[in-house]
C-alpha atoms as a PDB file:
ATOM      1  CA  UNK A   1     -77.117 -34.359 -44.362  1.00  0.00           C
ATOM      2  CA  UNK A   2     -74.874 -32.350 -42.027  1.00  0.00           C
ATOM      3  CA  UNK A   3     -74.855 -32.183 -38.261  1.00  0.00           C
ATOM      4  CA  UNK A   4     -74.827 -28.868 -36.432  1.00  0.00           C
ATOM      5  CA  UNK A   5     -73.266 -27.965 -33.082  1.00  0.00           C
ATOM      6  CA  UNK A   6     -75.092 -25.564 -30.780  1.00  0.00           C
ATOM      7  CA  UNK A   7     -72.797 -23.727 -28.390  1.00  0.00           C
ATOM      8  CA  UNK A   8     -73.946 -21.494 -25.526  1.00  0.00           C
ATOM      9  CA  UNK A   9     -71.740 -19.460 -23.206  1.00  0.00           C
ATOM     10  CA  UNK A  10     -73.260 -17.722 -20.172  1.00  0.00           C
ATOM     11  CA  UNK A  11     -71.262 -15.446 -17.933  1.00  0.00           C
ATOM     12  CA  UNK A  12     -72.417 -13.733 -14.721  1.00  0.00           C
ATOM     13  CA  UNK A  13     -69.984 -11.190 -13.304  1.00  0.00           C
ATOM     14  CA  UNK A  14     -70.137  -8.222 -10.952  1.00  0.00           C
ATOM     15  CA  UNK A  15     -70.467  -4.852 -12.636  1.00  0.00           C
ATOM     16  CA  UNK A  16     -70.371  -1.197 -11.652  1.00  0.00           C
ATOM     17  CA  UNK A  17     -72.725  -0.301 -14.492  1.00  0.00           C
ATOM     18  CA  UNK A  18     -76.262   0.852 -13.768  1.00  0.00           C
ATOM     19  CA  UNK A  19     -78.963  -1.744 -14.232  1.00  0.00           C
ATOM     20  CA  UNK A  20     -81.138  -1.576 -17.312  1.00  0.00           C
ATOM     21  CA  UNK A  21     -84.598  -2.829 -17.935  1.00  0.00           C
ATOM     22  CA  UNK A  22     -83.891  -4.723 -21.153  1.00  0.00           C
ATOM     23  CA  UNK A  23     -81.139  -6.742 -22.826  1.00  0.00           C
ATOM     24  CA  UNK A  24     -78.737  -4.679 -24.929  1.00  0.00           C
ATOM     25  CA  UNK A  25     -76.748  -5.945 -27.884  1.00  0.00           C
ATOM     26  CA  UNK A  26     -73.014  -5.374 -27.631  1.00  0.00           C
ATOM     27  CA  UNK A  27     -70.528  -4.634 -30.421  1.00  0.00           C
ATOM     28  CA  UNK A  28     -69.422  -8.289 -30.488  1.00  0.00           C
ATOM     29  CA  UNK A  29     -73.012  -9.462 -31.092  1.00  0.00           C
ATOM     30  CA  UNK A  30     -73.587 -10.702 -27.550  1.00  0.00           C
ATOM     31  CA  UNK A  31     -76.438  -9.476 -25.352  1.00  0.00           C
ATOM     32  CA  UNK A  32     -76.109  -8.211 -21.792  1.00  0.00           C
ATOM     33  CA  UNK A  33     -78.449  -7.128 -19.036  1.00  0.00           C
ATOM     34  CA  UNK A  34     -77.426  -5.463 -15.789  1.00  0.00           C
ATOM     35  CA  UNK A  35     -79.424  -6.468 -12.704  1.00  0.00           C
ATOM     36  CA  UNK A  36     -79.157  -5.186  -9.147  1.00  0.00           C
ATOM     37  CA  UNK A  37     -77.790  -7.206  -6.246  1.00  0.00           C
ATOM     38  CA  UNK A  38     -81.254  -7.987  -4.892  1.00  0.00           C
ATOM     39  CA  UNK A  39     -82.266  -9.584  -8.206  1.00  0.00           C
ATOM     40  CA  UNK A  40     -78.880 -11.307  -8.513  1.00  0.00           C
ATOM     41  CA  UNK A  41     -79.455 -13.118  -5.196  1.00  0.00           C
ATOM     42  CA  UNK A  42     -82.955 -14.266  -6.126  1.00  0.00           C
ATOM     43  CA  UNK A  43     -83.118 -17.484  -8.126  1.00  0.00           C
ATOM     44  CA  UNK A  44     -86.422 -16.461  -9.738  1.00  0.00           C
ATOM     45  CA  UNK A  45     -85.264 -12.957 -10.688  1.00  0.00           C
ATOM     46  CA  UNK A  46     -81.886 -14.211 -11.895  1.00  0.00           C
ATOM     47  CA  UNK A  47     -83.540 -16.890 -13.994  1.00  0.00           C
ATOM     48  CA  UNK A  48     -85.936 -14.324 -15.491  1.00  0.00           C
ATOM     49  CA  UNK A  49     -83.013 -12.029 -16.369  1.00  0.00           C
ATOM     50  CA  UNK A  50     -81.045 -14.912 -17.905  1.00  0.00           C
ATOM     51  CA  UNK A  51     -84.017 -15.968 -20.027  1.00  0.00           C
ATOM     52  CA  UNK A  52     -84.772 -12.380 -21.092  1.00  0.00           C
ATOM     53  CA  UNK A  53     -81.133 -11.859 -22.056  1.00  0.00           C
ATOM     54  CA  UNK A  54     -80.765 -15.148 -23.899  1.00  0.00           C
ATOM     55  CA  UNK A  55     -83.978 -14.826 -25.923  1.00  0.00           C
ATOM     56  CA  UNK A  56     -82.759 -12.134 -28.376  1.00  0.00           C
ATOM     57  CA  UNK A  57     -79.416 -13.930 -28.716  1.00  0.00           C
ATOM     58  CA  UNK A  58     -81.184 -17.202 -29.522  1.00  0.00           C
ATOM     59  CA  UNK A  59     -83.506 -15.522 -32.047  1.00  0.00           C
ATOM     60  CA  UNK A  60     -80.590 -13.783 -33.772  1.00  0.00           C
ATOM     61  CA  UNK A  61     -78.535 -17.006 -33.941  1.00  0.00           C
ATOM     62  CA  UNK A  62     -81.504 -18.995 -35.253  1.00  0.00           C
ATOM     63  CA  UNK A  63     -82.292 -16.400 -37.917  1.00  0.00           C
ATOM     64  CA  UNK A  64     -78.662 -16.375 -39.071  1.00  0.00           C
ATOM     65  CA  UNK A  65     -78.531 -20.182 -39.107  1.00  0.00           C
ATOM     66  CA  UNK A  66     -81.729 -20.511 -41.144  1.00  0.00           C
ATOM     67  CA  UNK A  67     -80.535 -17.837 -43.566  1.00  0.00           C
ATOM     68  CA  UNK A  68     -77.247 -19.709 -44.085  1.00  0.00           C
ATOM     69  CA  UNK A  69     -79.019 -23.067 -44.539  1.00  0.00           C
ATOM     70  CA  UNK A  70     -81.406 -21.486 -47.026  1.00  0.00           C
ATOM     71  CA  UNK A  71     -78.523 -19.985 -49.020  1.00  0.00           C
ATOM     72  CA  UNK A  72     -76.676 -23.303 -48.986  1.00  0.00           C
ATOM     73  CA  UNK A  73     -79.747 -25.187 -50.250  1.00  0.00           C
ATOM     74  CA  UNK A  74     -80.418 -22.655 -53.008  1.00  0.00           C
ATOM     75  CA  UNK A  75     -76.828 -23.018 -54.245  1.00  0.00           C
ATOM     76  CA  UNK A  76     -77.230 -26.801 -54.468  1.00  0.00           C
ATOM     77  CA  UNK A  77     -80.441 -26.704 -56.518  1.00  0.00           C
ATOM     78  CA  UNK A  78     -79.904 -26.494 -60.285  1.00  0.00           C
ATOM     79  CA  UNK A  79     -81.716 -23.630 -61.939  1.00  0.00           C
ATOM     80  CA  UNK A  80     -84.579 -24.711 -64.117  1.00  0.00           C
ATOM     81  CA  UNK A  81     -84.391 -23.768 -67.775  1.00  0.00           C
ATOM     82  CA  UNK A  82     -87.346 -21.872 -69.160  1.00  0.00           C
ATOM     83  CA  UNK A  83     -88.826 -23.410 -72.274  1.00  0.00           C
ATOM     84  CA  UNK A  84     -88.950 -21.247 -75.380  1.00  0.00           C
END
Protein backbone atom coordinates (compact mmCIF):
# COMPACT_ATOMS: atom_id res chain seq x y z
CA UNK A 1 0.00 0.00 0.00
CA UNK A 2 1.28 3.48 -0.89
CA UNK A 3 1.53 6.57 1.24
CA UNK A 4 0.22 9.91 0.05
CA UNK A 5 1.47 13.42 0.80
CA UNK A 6 -1.04 16.22 1.27
CA UNK A 7 0.36 19.66 0.51
CA UNK A 8 -1.43 22.96 1.16
CA UNK A 9 -0.19 26.43 0.25
CA UNK A 10 -2.07 29.50 1.50
CA UNK A 11 -1.14 33.00 0.46
CA UNK A 12 -2.67 36.28 1.68
CA UNK A 13 -1.54 39.37 -0.21
CA UNK A 14 -2.82 42.89 -0.78
CA UNK A 15 -4.78 43.39 -3.98
CA UNK A 16 -6.26 46.27 -5.95
CA UNK A 17 -8.99 44.01 -7.31
CA UNK A 18 -12.60 44.49 -6.23
CA UNK A 19 -13.86 42.07 -3.63
CA UNK A 20 -16.13 39.25 -4.71
CA UNK A 21 -18.69 37.30 -2.81
CA UNK A 22 -17.47 33.82 -3.73
CA UNK A 23 -14.25 31.93 -4.46
CA UNK A 24 -13.23 31.94 -8.12
CA UNK A 25 -11.13 29.30 -9.83
CA UNK A 26 -8.05 30.62 -11.59
CA UNK A 27 -6.41 29.35 -14.78
CA UNK A 28 -3.78 27.47 -12.76
CA UNK A 29 -6.49 25.55 -10.85
CA UNK A 30 -6.15 27.54 -7.64
CA UNK A 31 -9.05 29.38 -6.00
CA UNK A 32 -9.04 33.00 -4.87
CA UNK A 33 -11.37 35.30 -3.01
CA UNK A 34 -10.95 39.05 -2.62
CA UNK A 35 -12.01 40.51 0.73
CA UNK A 36 -12.06 44.12 1.88
CA UNK A 37 -9.69 45.57 4.45
CA UNK A 38 -12.30 45.47 7.21
CA UNK A 39 -12.75 41.71 6.73
CA UNK A 40 -8.99 41.21 6.36
CA UNK A 41 -8.41 42.70 9.83
CA UNK A 42 -11.08 40.56 11.49
CA UNK A 43 -9.94 37.11 12.57
CA UNK A 44 -13.47 35.70 12.24
CA UNK A 45 -14.10 37.18 8.79
CA UNK A 46 -10.63 36.23 7.55
CA UNK A 47 -11.07 32.69 8.81
CA UNK A 48 -14.48 32.44 7.12
CA UNK A 49 -12.99 33.67 3.82
CA UNK A 50 -10.07 31.23 4.08
CA UNK A 51 -12.41 28.31 4.75
CA UNK A 52 -14.79 29.34 1.94
CA UNK A 53 -11.87 29.64 -0.47
CA UNK A 54 -10.21 26.39 0.54
CA UNK A 55 -13.38 24.28 0.40
CA UNK A 56 -13.72 24.11 -3.42
CA UNK A 57 -9.97 23.54 -3.74
CA UNK A 58 -10.13 20.66 -1.26
CA UNK A 59 -13.16 19.11 -2.98
CA UNK A 60 -11.50 19.35 -6.40
CA UNK A 61 -8.23 17.83 -5.12
CA UNK A 62 -10.08 15.02 -3.33
CA UNK A 63 -12.17 14.21 -6.40
CA UNK A 64 -9.05 14.08 -8.58
CA UNK A 65 -7.22 11.92 -6.04
CA UNK A 66 -10.08 9.43 -5.73
CA UNK A 67 -10.43 9.27 -9.51
CA UNK A 68 -6.71 8.50 -9.87
CA UNK A 69 -6.80 5.86 -7.11
CA UNK A 70 -9.84 4.26 -8.72
CA UNK A 71 -8.13 4.15 -12.13
CA UNK A 72 -4.99 2.69 -10.57
CA UNK A 73 -6.97 -0.04 -8.78
CA UNK A 74 -8.94 -0.94 -11.91
CA UNK A 75 -5.69 -1.37 -13.86
CA UNK A 76 -4.35 -3.78 -11.23
CA UNK A 77 -7.42 -6.04 -11.22
CA UNK A 78 -7.35 -8.80 -13.84
CA UNK A 79 -10.39 -8.88 -16.07
CA UNK A 80 -12.63 -11.84 -15.47
CA UNK A 81 -13.19 -14.17 -18.40
CA UNK A 82 -16.79 -14.83 -19.33
CA UNK A 83 -17.67 -18.50 -19.54
CA UNK A 84 -19.01 -19.77 -22.84
